[in-house]
Amino acid sequence: MNKIGFIGGGALAESIVRGICGKIFEPKNIFVSEIRSARCKELSERYGVNASTDANFLDAIDFLIVAVKPKDAEKTFAALKNKIPATTILTYTVAGLKLSAVEKFFPENKIVRIMPNVAVSVGESMTAFTLNKNAANIGETIKNFWSTLGRAVEVEEKLMDAVTGLSGSGPAYAFLMIDALSDGGVAAGLSRAQAIELAAQTLLGAAKMVLTSGEHPDVLRDSVTSPAGTTIEGVRVLERAGFRSALIEAVLAATEKSKSL
């Protein structure tokens, strides 16, 4: 892949641009179509990419990412019909939108449904993808691309709503946890800056231990939970408050919302 284009220049598209700009693609080979001219100027000045209110780059790219709101998806794809070469790999990050809904506009294209998250901007996204039949032979290409921005996994399409509810929305849950933990630190006497740094690094370290050790989270939790110690006291309070159940319900609620989009 030599040149990449984006339809939509919102927060997710910017996160992807930030993650690939100057690393996977040179700024001159990144094209963004965004209806807001002020936003185009902002993206151009910030990253040096080609950003404009039209999409006159469609014949020049070989990889396209459509990143628009679900309510705008159908009219966006309808406007792109007959404008995207059959050789272009078409990917999209629209929550809840099935491959079949896109294939009716582009029956000859290789189409990939993608669900990254905002951590793509720091190279730590958890990205899930599913391929249409035309794209069956490019799974490794897609995985390699998104793996440079974090981790990537191929899943069955029927699981994409669950992915949206877990890893797509998951960073918001993590930010909320960091904020709450830092509030606890401040309540215990730490400065706000110290508390945020301690909380964020603690979650980062714990996540890295899960990913690198291969151990179940329960096993790792037990390793730091001494009998009659401070940690079990904290865990007891969290269990009493329904912390675990709240997270489970948050994932399920976000999954159902994805299904309804």
C-alpha atoms as a PDB file:
ATOM      1  CA  MET A   1       0.000   0.000   0.000  1.00  0.00           C
ATOM      2  CA  ASN A   2       1.458   3.315  -1.115  1.00  0.00           C
ATOM      3  CA  LYS A   3      -1.297   5.871  -0.622  1.00  0.00           C
ATOM      4  CA  ILE A   4      -4.141   5.988   1.867  1.00  0.00           C
ATOM      5  CA  GLY A   5      -7.331   8.038   1.937  1.00  0.00           C
ATOM      6  CA  PHE A   6      -9.918   8.874   4.582  1.00  0.00           C
ATOM      7  CA  ILE A   7     -13.551   9.818   4.212  1.00  0.00           C
ATOM      8  CA  GLY A   8     -14.292  11.736   7.388  1.00  0.00           C
ATOM      9  CA  GLY A   9     -11.863  13.763   9.428  1.00  0.00           C
ATOM     10  CA  GLY A  10     -13.252  13.374  12.935  1.00  0.00           C
ATOM     11  CA  ALA A  11     -11.585  12.240  16.147  1.00  0.00           C
ATOM     12  CA  LEU A  12     -11.098   8.593  15.128  1.00  0.00           C
ATOM     13  CA  ALA A  13      -9.708   9.462  11.703  1.00  0.00           C
ATOM     14  CA  GLU A  14      -7.312  11.916  13.309  1.00  0.00           C
ATOM     15  CA  SER A  15      -6.183   9.257  15.783  1.00  0.00           C
ATOM     16  CA  ILE A  16      -5.339   6.923  12.882  1.00  0.00           C
ATOM     17  CA  VAL A  17      -3.617   9.709  10.954  1.00  0.00           C
ATOM     18  CA  ARG A  18      -1.561  10.593  14.005  1.00  0.00           C
ATOM     19  CA  GLY A  19      -0.515   6.977  14.400  1.00  0.00           C
ATOM     20  CA  ILE A  20       0.552   6.405  10.776  1.00  0.00           C
ATOM     21  CA  CYS A  21       1.798   9.843   9.733  1.00  0.00           C
ATOM     22  CA  GLY A  22       5.524   9.756   9.058  1.00  0.00           C
ATOM     23  CA  LYS A  23       5.702   6.138  10.219  1.00  0.00           C
ATOM     24  CA  ILE A  24       3.757   3.997   7.769  1.00  0.00           C
ATOM     25  CA  PHE A  25       2.834   6.694   5.254  1.00  0.00           C
ATOM     26  CA  GLU A  26       4.476   9.985   4.407  1.00  0.00           C
ATOM     27  CA  PRO A  27       2.165  12.979   4.949  1.00  0.00           C
ATOM     28  CA  LYS A  28       2.075  13.649   1.203  1.00  0.00           C
ATOM     29  CA  ASN A  29       0.585  10.173   0.672  1.00  0.00           C
ATOM     30  CA  ILE A  30      -2.246  10.647   3.179  1.00  0.00           C
ATOM     31  CA  PHE A  31      -5.501  12.159   1.900  1.00  0.00           C
ATOM     32  CA  VAL A  32      -8.498  13.234   3.975  1.00  0.00           C
ATOM     33  CA  SER A  33     -11.944  14.289   2.786  1.00  0.00           C
ATOM     34  CA  GLU A  34     -13.875  16.249   5.420  1.00  0.00           C
ATOM     35  CA  ILE A  35     -16.949  18.460   4.922  1.00  0.00           C
ATOM     36  CA  ARG A  36     -15.765  21.101   7.411  1.00  0.00           C
ATOM     37  CA  SER A  37     -13.227  23.402   5.764  1.00  0.00           C
ATOM     38  CA  ALA A  38     -11.928  24.643   9.117  1.00  0.00           C
ATOM     39  CA  ARG A  39     -11.254  21.052  10.150  1.00  0.00           C
ATOM     40  CA  CYS A  40      -9.415  20.418   6.868  1.00  0.00           C
ATOM     41  CA  LYS A  41      -7.151  23.371   7.556  1.00  0.00           C
ATOM     42  CA  GLU A  42      -6.535  22.118  11.075  1.00  0.00           C
ATOM     43  CA  LEU A  43      -5.537  18.620   9.915  1.00  0.00           C
ATOM     44  CA  SER A  44      -3.327  19.967   7.122  1.00  0.00           C
ATOM     45  CA  GLU A  45      -1.483  22.338   9.430  1.00  0.00           C
ATOM     46  CA  ARG A  46      -1.145  19.812  12.231  1.00  0.00           C
ATOM     47  CA  TYR A  47       0.083  16.807  10.216  1.00  0.00           C
ATOM     48  CA  GLY A  48       1.007  18.086   6.761  1.00  0.00           C
ATOM     49  CA  VAL A  49      -1.503  15.761   5.095  1.00  0.00           C
ATOM     50  CA  ASN A  50      -3.732  16.525   2.107  1.00  0.00           C
ATOM     51  CA  ALA A  51      -7.123  17.520   3.526  1.00  0.00           C
ATOM     52  CA  SER A  52      -9.978  19.046   1.567  1.00  0.00           C
ATOM     53  CA  THR A  53     -13.761  19.177   1.393  1.00  0.00           C
ATOM     54  CA  ASP A  54     -13.889  16.974  -1.694  1.00  0.00           C
ATOM     55  CA  ALA A  55     -12.649  13.465  -2.434  1.00  0.00           C
ATOM     56  CA  ASN A  56     -10.721  13.983  -5.663  1.00  0.00           C
ATOM     57  CA  PHE A  57      -8.060  11.491  -4.566  1.00  0.00           C
ATOM     58  CA  LEU A  58     -10.130   8.304  -4.968  1.00  0.00           C
ATOM     59  CA  ASP A  59      -8.427   7.219  -8.199  1.00  0.00           C
ATOM     60  CA  ALA A  60      -4.967   7.752  -6.713  1.00  0.00           C
ATOM     61  CA  ILE A  61      -5.138   5.638  -3.553  1.00  0.00           C
ATOM     62  CA  ASP A  62      -5.087   1.901  -2.982  1.00  0.00           C
ATOM     63  CA  PHE A  63      -6.388   1.874   0.600  1.00  0.00           C
ATOM     64  CA  LEU A  64      -9.474   3.764   1.825  1.00  0.00           C
ATOM     65  CA  ILE A  65     -10.798   4.174   5.358  1.00  0.00           C
ATOM     66  CA  VAL A  66     -14.335   5.464   5.766  1.00  0.00           C
ATOM     67  CA  ALA A  67     -14.721   6.910   9.262  1.00  0.00           C
ATOM     68  CA  VAL A  68     -18.103   8.623   9.545  1.00  0.00           C
ATOM     69  CA  LYS A  69     -20.943   8.601  12.056  1.00  0.00           C
ATOM     70  CA  PRO A  70     -23.475   5.739  11.681  1.00  0.00           C
ATOM     71  CA  LYS A  71     -26.244   8.201  10.767  1.00  0.00           C
ATOM     72  CA  ASP A  72     -24.153   9.470   7.832  1.00  0.00           C
ATOM     73  CA  ALA A  73     -22.930   6.102   6.586  1.00  0.00           C
ATOM     74  CA  GLU A  74     -25.565   5.231   3.985  1.00  0.00           C
ATOM     75  CA  LYS A  75     -25.514   8.599   2.229  1.00  0.00           C
ATOM     76  CA  THR A  76     -21.707   8.581   2.334  1.00  0.00           C
ATOM     77  CA  PHE A  77     -21.437   5.188   0.647  1.00  0.00           C
ATOM     78  CA  ALA A  78     -24.152   6.108  -1.833  1.00  0.00           C
ATOM     79  CA  ALA A  79     -22.146   9.204  -2.800  1.00  0.00           C
ATOM     80  CA  LEU A  80     -19.018   7.064  -3.270  1.00  0.00           C
ATOM     81  CA  LYS A  81     -20.729   4.500  -5.494  1.00  0.00           C
ATOM     82  CA  ASN A  82     -18.999   4.091  -8.903  1.00  0.00           C
ATOM     83  CA  LYS A  83     -16.169   6.382  -7.749  1.00  0.00           C
ATOM     84  CA  ILE A  84     -13.908   3.833  -6.068  1.00  0.00           C
ATOM     85  CA  PRO A  85     -11.787   1.598  -8.330  1.00  0.00           C
ATOM     86  CA  ALA A  86     -12.363  -2.123  -7.901  1.00  0.00           C
ATOM     87  CA  THR A  87      -8.676  -2.516  -6.975  1.00  0.00           C
ATOM     88  CA  THR A  88      -9.009  -0.257  -3.921  1.00  0.00           C
ATOM     89  CA  ILE A  89      -9.212  -1.949  -0.529  1.00  0.00           C
ATOM     90  CA  LEU A  90     -12.239  -0.401   1.162  1.00  0.00           C
ATOM     91  CA  THR A  91     -12.306  -0.409   4.948  1.00  0.00           C
ATOM     92  CA  TYR A  92     -14.700   1.291   7.317  1.00  0.00           C
ATOM     93  CA  THR A  93     -14.985   1.958  11.037  1.00  0.00           C
ATOM     94  CA  VAL A  94     -18.735   2.598  11.283  1.00  0.00           C
ATOM     95  CA  ALA A  95     -20.144   0.987  14.421  1.00  0.00           C
ATOM     96  CA  GLY A  96     -22.992  -1.449  13.775  1.00  0.00           C
ATOM     97  CA  LEU A  97     -22.771  -1.378   9.966  1.00  0.00           C
ATOM     98  CA  LYS A  98     -22.698  -4.853   8.403  1.00  0.00           C
ATOM     99  CA  LEU A  99     -20.580  -5.827   5.422  1.00  0.00           C
ATOM    100  CA  SER A 100     -23.668  -6.653   3.388  1.00  0.00           C
ATOM    101  CA  ALA A 101     -24.889  -3.060   3.691  1.00  0.00           C
ATOM    102  CA  VAL A 102     -21.648  -1.814   2.122  1.00  0.00           C
ATOM    103  CA  GLU A 103     -21.276  -4.580  -0.449  1.00  0.00           C
ATOM    104  CA  LYS A 104     -24.469  -3.500  -2.202  1.00  0.00           C
ATOM    105  CA  PHE A 105     -22.668  -0.300  -3.212  1.00  0.00           C
ATOM    106  CA  PHE A 106     -19.294  -1.926  -4.023  1.00  0.00           C
ATOM    107  CA  PRO A 107     -19.848  -5.552  -5.133  1.00  0.00           C
ATOM    108  CA  GLU A 108     -16.385  -5.902  -6.712  1.00  0.00           C
ATOM    109  CA  ASN A 109     -14.246  -4.430  -3.937  1.00  0.00           C
ATOM    110  CA  LYS A 110     -12.352  -6.070  -1.132  1.00  0.00           C
ATOM    111  CA  ILE A 111     -14.177  -4.728   1.925  1.00  0.00           C
ATOM    112  CA  VAL A 112     -13.026  -4.868   5.534  1.00  0.00           C
ATOM    113  CA  ARG A 113     -15.057  -3.907   8.572  1.00  0.00           C
ATOM    114  CA  ILE A 114     -12.752  -2.447  11.213  1.00  0.00           C
ATOM    115  CA  MET A 115     -13.180  -1.593  14.881  1.00  0.00           C
ATOM    116  CA  PRO A 116     -10.090   0.111  16.324  1.00  0.00           C
ATOM    117  CA  ASN A 117     -10.089   2.355  19.367  1.00  0.00           C
ATOM    118  CA  VAL A 118      -8.663   5.794  20.106  1.00  0.00           C
ATOM    119  CA  ALA A 119      -5.406   4.369  21.481  1.00  0.00           C
ATOM    120  CA  VAL A 120      -4.378   4.004  17.831  1.00  0.00           C
ATOM    121  CA  SER A 121      -2.986   7.529  18.182  1.00  0.00           C
ATOM    122  CA  VAL A 122      -0.288   6.262  20.568  1.00  0.00           C
ATOM    123  CA  GLY A 123       0.304   2.972  18.773  1.00  0.00           C
ATOM    124  CA  GLU A 124      -1.629   0.885  21.302  1.00  0.00           C
ATOM    125  CA  SER A 125      -4.993   0.281  19.640  1.00  0.00           C
ATOM    126  CA  MET A 126      -6.876  -2.968  20.013  1.00  0.00           C
ATOM    127  CA  THR A 127      -8.305  -3.451  16.554  1.00  0.00           C
ATOM    128  CA  ALA A 128     -10.690  -6.160  15.401  1.00  0.00           C
ATOM    129  CA  PHE A 129     -11.584  -6.730  11.761  1.00  0.00           C
ATOM    130  CA  THR A 130     -13.734  -8.939   9.590  1.00  0.00           C
ATOM    131  CA  LEU A 131     -13.378  -9.517   5.845  1.00  0.00           C
ATOM    132  CA  ASN A 132     -15.902  -9.913   3.062  1.00  0.00           C
ATOM    133  CA  LYS A 133     -15.492 -12.812   0.620  1.00  0.00           C
ATOM    134  CA  ASN A 134     -13.592 -10.697  -1.906  1.00  0.00           C
ATOM    135  CA  ALA A 135     -11.069  -9.809   0.800  1.00  0.00           C
ATOM    136  CA  ALA A 136     -10.478 -13.367   2.029  1.00  0.00           C
ATOM    137  CA  ASN A 137      -6.861 -13.345   0.829  1.00  0.00           C
ATOM    138  CA  ILE A 138      -5.756 -10.072   2.453  1.00  0.00           C
ATOM    139  CA  GLY A 139      -6.231 -10.963   6.098  1.00  0.00           C
ATOM    140  CA  GLU A 140      -2.495 -10.862   6.831  1.00  0.00           C
ATOM    141  CA  THR A 141      -2.135  -7.520   5.045  1.00  0.00           C
ATOM    142  CA  ILE A 142      -4.886  -5.999   7.166  1.00  0.00           C
ATOM    143  CA  LYS A 143      -3.557  -7.541  10.366  1.00  0.00           C
ATOM    144  CA  ASN A 144      -0.023  -6.334   9.666  1.00  0.00           C
ATOM    145  CA  PHE A 145      -1.209  -2.786   8.978  1.00  0.00           C
ATOM    146  CA  TRP A 146      -3.219  -2.486  12.189  1.00  0.00           C
ATOM    147  CA  SER A 147      -0.621  -4.369  14.241  1.00  0.00           C
ATOM    148  CA  THR A 148       1.794  -1.519  13.618  1.00  0.00           C
ATOM    149  CA  LEU A 149      -0.670   0.613  15.585  1.00  0.00           C
ATOM    150  CA  GLY A 150      -1.150  -1.810  18.482  1.00  0.00           C
ATOM    151  CA  ARG A 151      -2.721  -5.258  18.294  1.00  0.00           C
ATOM    152  CA  ALA A 152      -5.110  -6.679  15.718  1.00  0.00           C
ATOM    153  CA  VAL A 153      -7.320  -9.729  15.574  1.00  0.00           C
ATOM    154  CA  GLU A 154      -9.700 -11.128  12.962  1.00  0.00           C
ATOM    155  CA  VAL A 155     -13.163 -12.032  14.272  1.00  0.00           C
ATOM    156  CA  GLU A 156     -16.431 -13.307  12.818  1.00  0.00           C
ATOM    157  CA  GLU A 157     -18.737 -10.459  11.842  1.00  0.00           C
ATOM    158  CA  LYS A 158     -21.393 -11.552  14.322  1.00  0.00           C
ATOM    159  CA  LEU A 159     -18.933 -10.668  17.104  1.00  0.00           C
ATOM    160  CA  MET A 160     -18.183  -7.120  15.940  1.00  0.00           C
ATOM    161  CA  ASP A 161     -20.860  -5.565  18.147  1.00  0.00           C
ATOM    162  CA  ALA A 162     -19.289  -7.246  21.166  1.00  0.00           C
ATOM    163  CA  VAL A 163     -15.906  -5.890  20.075  1.00  0.00           C
ATOM    164  CA  THR A 164     -17.452  -2.422  19.889  1.00  0.00           C
ATOM    165  CA  GLY A 165     -18.850  -2.766  23.402  1.00  0.00           C
ATOM    166  CA  LEU A 166     -15.564  -4.041  24.854  1.00  0.00           C
ATOM    167  CA  SER A 167     -12.495  -2.616  23.133  1.00  0.00           C
ATOM    168  CA  GLY A 168     -14.146   0.065  21.016  1.00  0.00           C
ATOM    169  CA  SER A 169     -15.768   1.760  24.005  1.00  0.00           C
ATOM    170  CA  GLY A 170     -13.293   0.326  26.513  1.00  0.00           C
ATOM    171  CA  PRO A 171     -10.863   3.270  26.634  1.00  0.00           C
ATOM    172  CA  ALA A 172     -13.663   5.407  28.088  1.00  0.00           C
ATOM    173  CA  TYR A 173     -14.096   2.876  30.891  1.00  0.00           C
ATOM    174  CA  ALA A 174     -10.341   2.964  31.516  1.00  0.00           C
ATOM    175  CA  PHE A 175     -10.260   6.776  31.561  1.00  0.00           C
ATOM    176  CA  LEU A 176     -13.107   6.725  34.067  1.00  0.00           C
ATOM    177  CA  MET A 177     -11.183   4.258  36.240  1.00  0.00           C
ATOM    178  CA  ILE A 178      -8.042   6.395  36.121  1.00  0.00           C
ATOM    179  CA  ASP A 179     -10.048   9.476  37.087  1.00  0.00           C
ATOM    180  CA  ALA A 180     -11.730   7.665  39.963  1.00  0.00           C
ATOM    181  CA  LEU A 181      -8.483   6.140  41.219  1.00  0.00           C
ATOM    182  CA  SER A 182      -6.796   9.533  41.124  1.00  0.00           C
ATOM    183  CA  ASP A 183      -9.717  10.999  43.092  1.00  0.00           C
ATOM    184  CA  GLY A 184      -9.038   8.333  45.694  1.00  0.00           C
ATOM    185  CA  GLY A 185      -5.370   9.256  45.722  1.00  0.00           C
ATOM    186  CA  VAL A 186      -6.188  12.930  46.209  1.00  0.00           C
ATOM    187  CA  ALA A 187      -8.590  12.025  49.014  1.00  0.00           C
ATOM    188  CA  ALA A 188      -5.740  10.100  50.633  1.00  0.00           C
ATOM    189  CA  GLY A 189      -3.407  13.103  50.421  1.00  0.00           C
ATOM    190  CA  LEU A 190      -1.621  12.905  47.048  1.00  0.00           C
ATOM    191  CA  SER A 191      -1.444  15.847  44.669  1.00  0.00           C
ATOM    192  CA  ARG A 192      -3.670  15.598  41.593  1.00  0.00           C
ATOM    193  CA  ALA A 193      -0.678  15.267  39.243  1.00  0.00           C
ATOM    194  CA  GLN A 194       0.879  12.530  41.369  1.00  0.00           C
ATOM    195  CA  ALA A 195      -2.405  10.661  41.676  1.00  0.00           C
ATOM    196  CA  ILE A 196      -3.108  10.690  37.923  1.00  0.00           C
ATOM    197  CA  GLU A 197       0.408   9.484  37.095  1.00  0.00           C
ATOM    198  CA  LEU A 198       0.234   6.714  39.691  1.00  0.00           C
ATOM    199  CA  ALA A 199      -3.211   5.592  38.519  1.00  0.00           C
ATOM    200  CA  ALA A 200      -2.440   5.653  34.797  1.00  0.00           C
ATOM    201  CA  GLN A 201       0.879   3.830  35.113  1.00  0.00           C
ATOM    202  CA  THR A 202      -0.703   1.260  37.419  1.00  0.00           C
ATOM    203  CA  LEU A 203      -3.343   0.380  34.804  1.00  0.00           C
ATOM    204  CA  LEU A 204      -0.728   0.368  32.049  1.00  0.00           C
ATOM    205  CA  GLY A 205       1.548  -1.953  34.017  1.00  0.00           C
ATOM    206  CA  ALA A 206      -1.284  -4.306  34.953  1.00  0.00           C
ATOM    207  CA  ALA A 207      -2.448  -4.520  31.335  1.00  0.00           C
ATOM    208  CA  LYS A 208       1.094  -5.254  30.167  1.00  0.00           C
ATOM    209  CA  MET A 209       1.425  -8.043  32.708  1.00  0.00           C
ATOM    210  CA  VAL A 210      -1.740  -9.687  31.364  1.00  0.00           C
ATOM    211  CA  LEU A 211      -0.592  -9.426  27.747  1.00  0.00           C
ATOM    212  CA  THR A 212       2.992 -10.598  28.300  1.00  0.00           C
ATOM    213  CA  SER A 213       2.576 -13.251  30.987  1.00  0.00           C
ATOM    214  CA  GLY A 214      -0.246 -15.264  29.462  1.00  0.00           C
ATOM    215  CA  GLU A 215      -1.676 -15.712  32.949  1.00  0.00           C
ATOM    216  CA  HIS A 216      -5.360 -15.314  33.724  1.00  0.00           C
ATOM    217  CA  PRO A 217      -6.091 -11.965  35.403  1.00  0.00           C
ATOM    218  CA  ASP A 218      -7.383 -13.789  38.493  1.00  0.00           C
ATOM    219  CA  VAL A 219      -4.014 -15.513  38.899  1.00  0.00           C
ATOM    220  CA  LEU A 220      -2.180 -12.201  38.652  1.00  0.00           C
ATOM    221  CA  ARG A 221      -4.598 -10.579  41.092  1.00  0.00           C
ATOM    222  CA  ASP A 222      -4.009 -13.352  43.608  1.00  0.00           C
ATOM    223  CA  SER A 223      -0.240 -12.826  43.301  1.00  0.00           C
ATOM    224  CA  VAL A 224      -0.579  -9.290  44.690  1.00  0.00           C
ATOM    225  CA  THR A 225      -3.343 -10.011  47.194  1.00  0.00           C
ATOM    226  CA  SER A 226      -1.766 -10.977  50.519  1.00  0.00           C
ATOM    227  CA  PRO A 227      -3.843 -12.540  53.305  1.00  0.00           C
ATOM    228  CA  ALA A 228      -5.328  -9.832  55.530  1.00  0.00           C
ATOM    229  CA  GLY A 229      -3.446  -7.193  53.536  1.00  0.00           C
ATOM    230  CA  THR A 230      -4.319  -3.828  52.038  1.00  0.00           C
ATOM    231  CA  THR A 231      -5.221  -5.137  48.572  1.00  0.00           C
ATOM    232  CA  ILE A 232      -7.891  -7.583  49.726  1.00  0.00           C
ATOM    233  CA  GLU A 233      -9.478  -4.775  51.720  1.00  0.00           C
ATOM    234  CA  GLY A 234      -9.744  -2.695  48.556  1.00  0.00           C
ATOM    235  CA  VAL A 235     -11.005  -5.643  46.505  1.00  0.00           C
ATOM    236  CA  ARG A 236     -13.640  -6.356  49.153  1.00  0.00           C
ATOM    237  CA  VAL A 237     -14.978  -2.812  48.856  1.00  0.00           C
ATOM    238  CA  LEU A 238     -15.048  -3.020  45.046  1.00  0.00           C
ATOM    239  CA  GLU A 239     -16.930  -6.325  45.127  1.00  0.00           C
ATOM    240  CA  ARG A 240     -19.431  -4.951  47.638  1.00  0.00           C
ATOM    241  CA  ALA A 241     -20.039  -1.935  45.373  1.00  0.00           C
ATOM    242  CA  GLY A 242     -20.680  -4.145  42.332  1.00  0.00           C
ATOM    243  CA  PHE A 243     -17.574  -2.994  40.465  1.00  0.00           C
ATOM    244  CA  ARG A 244     -17.188  -6.180  38.443  1.00  0.00           C
ATOM    245  CA  SER A 245     -20.887  -6.335  37.581  1.00  0.00           C
ATOM    246  CA  ALA A 246     -20.897  -2.661  36.538  1.00  0.00           C
ATOM    247  CA  LEU A 247     -18.138  -3.264  33.996  1.00  0.00           C
ATOM    248  CA  ILE A 248     -19.875  -6.361  32.628  1.00  0.00           C
ATOM    249  CA  GLU A 249     -23.121  -4.433  32.241  1.00  0.00           C
ATOM    250  CA  ALA A 250     -21.305  -1.518  30.588  1.00  0.00           C
ATOM    251  CA  VAL A 251     -19.898  -3.834  27.910  1.00  0.00           C
ATOM    252  CA  LEU A 252     -23.277  -5.476  27.329  1.00  0.00           C
ATOM    253  CA  ALA A 253     -25.084  -2.109  27.145  1.00  0.00           C
ATOM    254  CA  ALA A 254     -22.571  -0.753  24.621  1.00  0.00           C
ATOM    255  CA  THR A 255     -22.882  -3.982  22.628  1.00  0.00           C
ATOM    256  CA  GLU A 256     -26.663  -3.627  22.445  1.00  0.00           C
ATOM    257  CA  LYS A 257     -26.325   0.002  21.414  1.00  0.00           C
ATOM    258  CA  SER A 258     -23.974  -1.035  18.591  1.00  0.00           C
ATOM    259  CA  LYS A 259     -26.558  -3.553  17.405  1.00  0.00           C
ATOM    260  CA  SER A 260     -29.238  -0.864  17.287  1.00  0.00           C
ATOM    261  CA  LEU A 261     -27.207   1.575  15.165  1.00  0.00           C
END
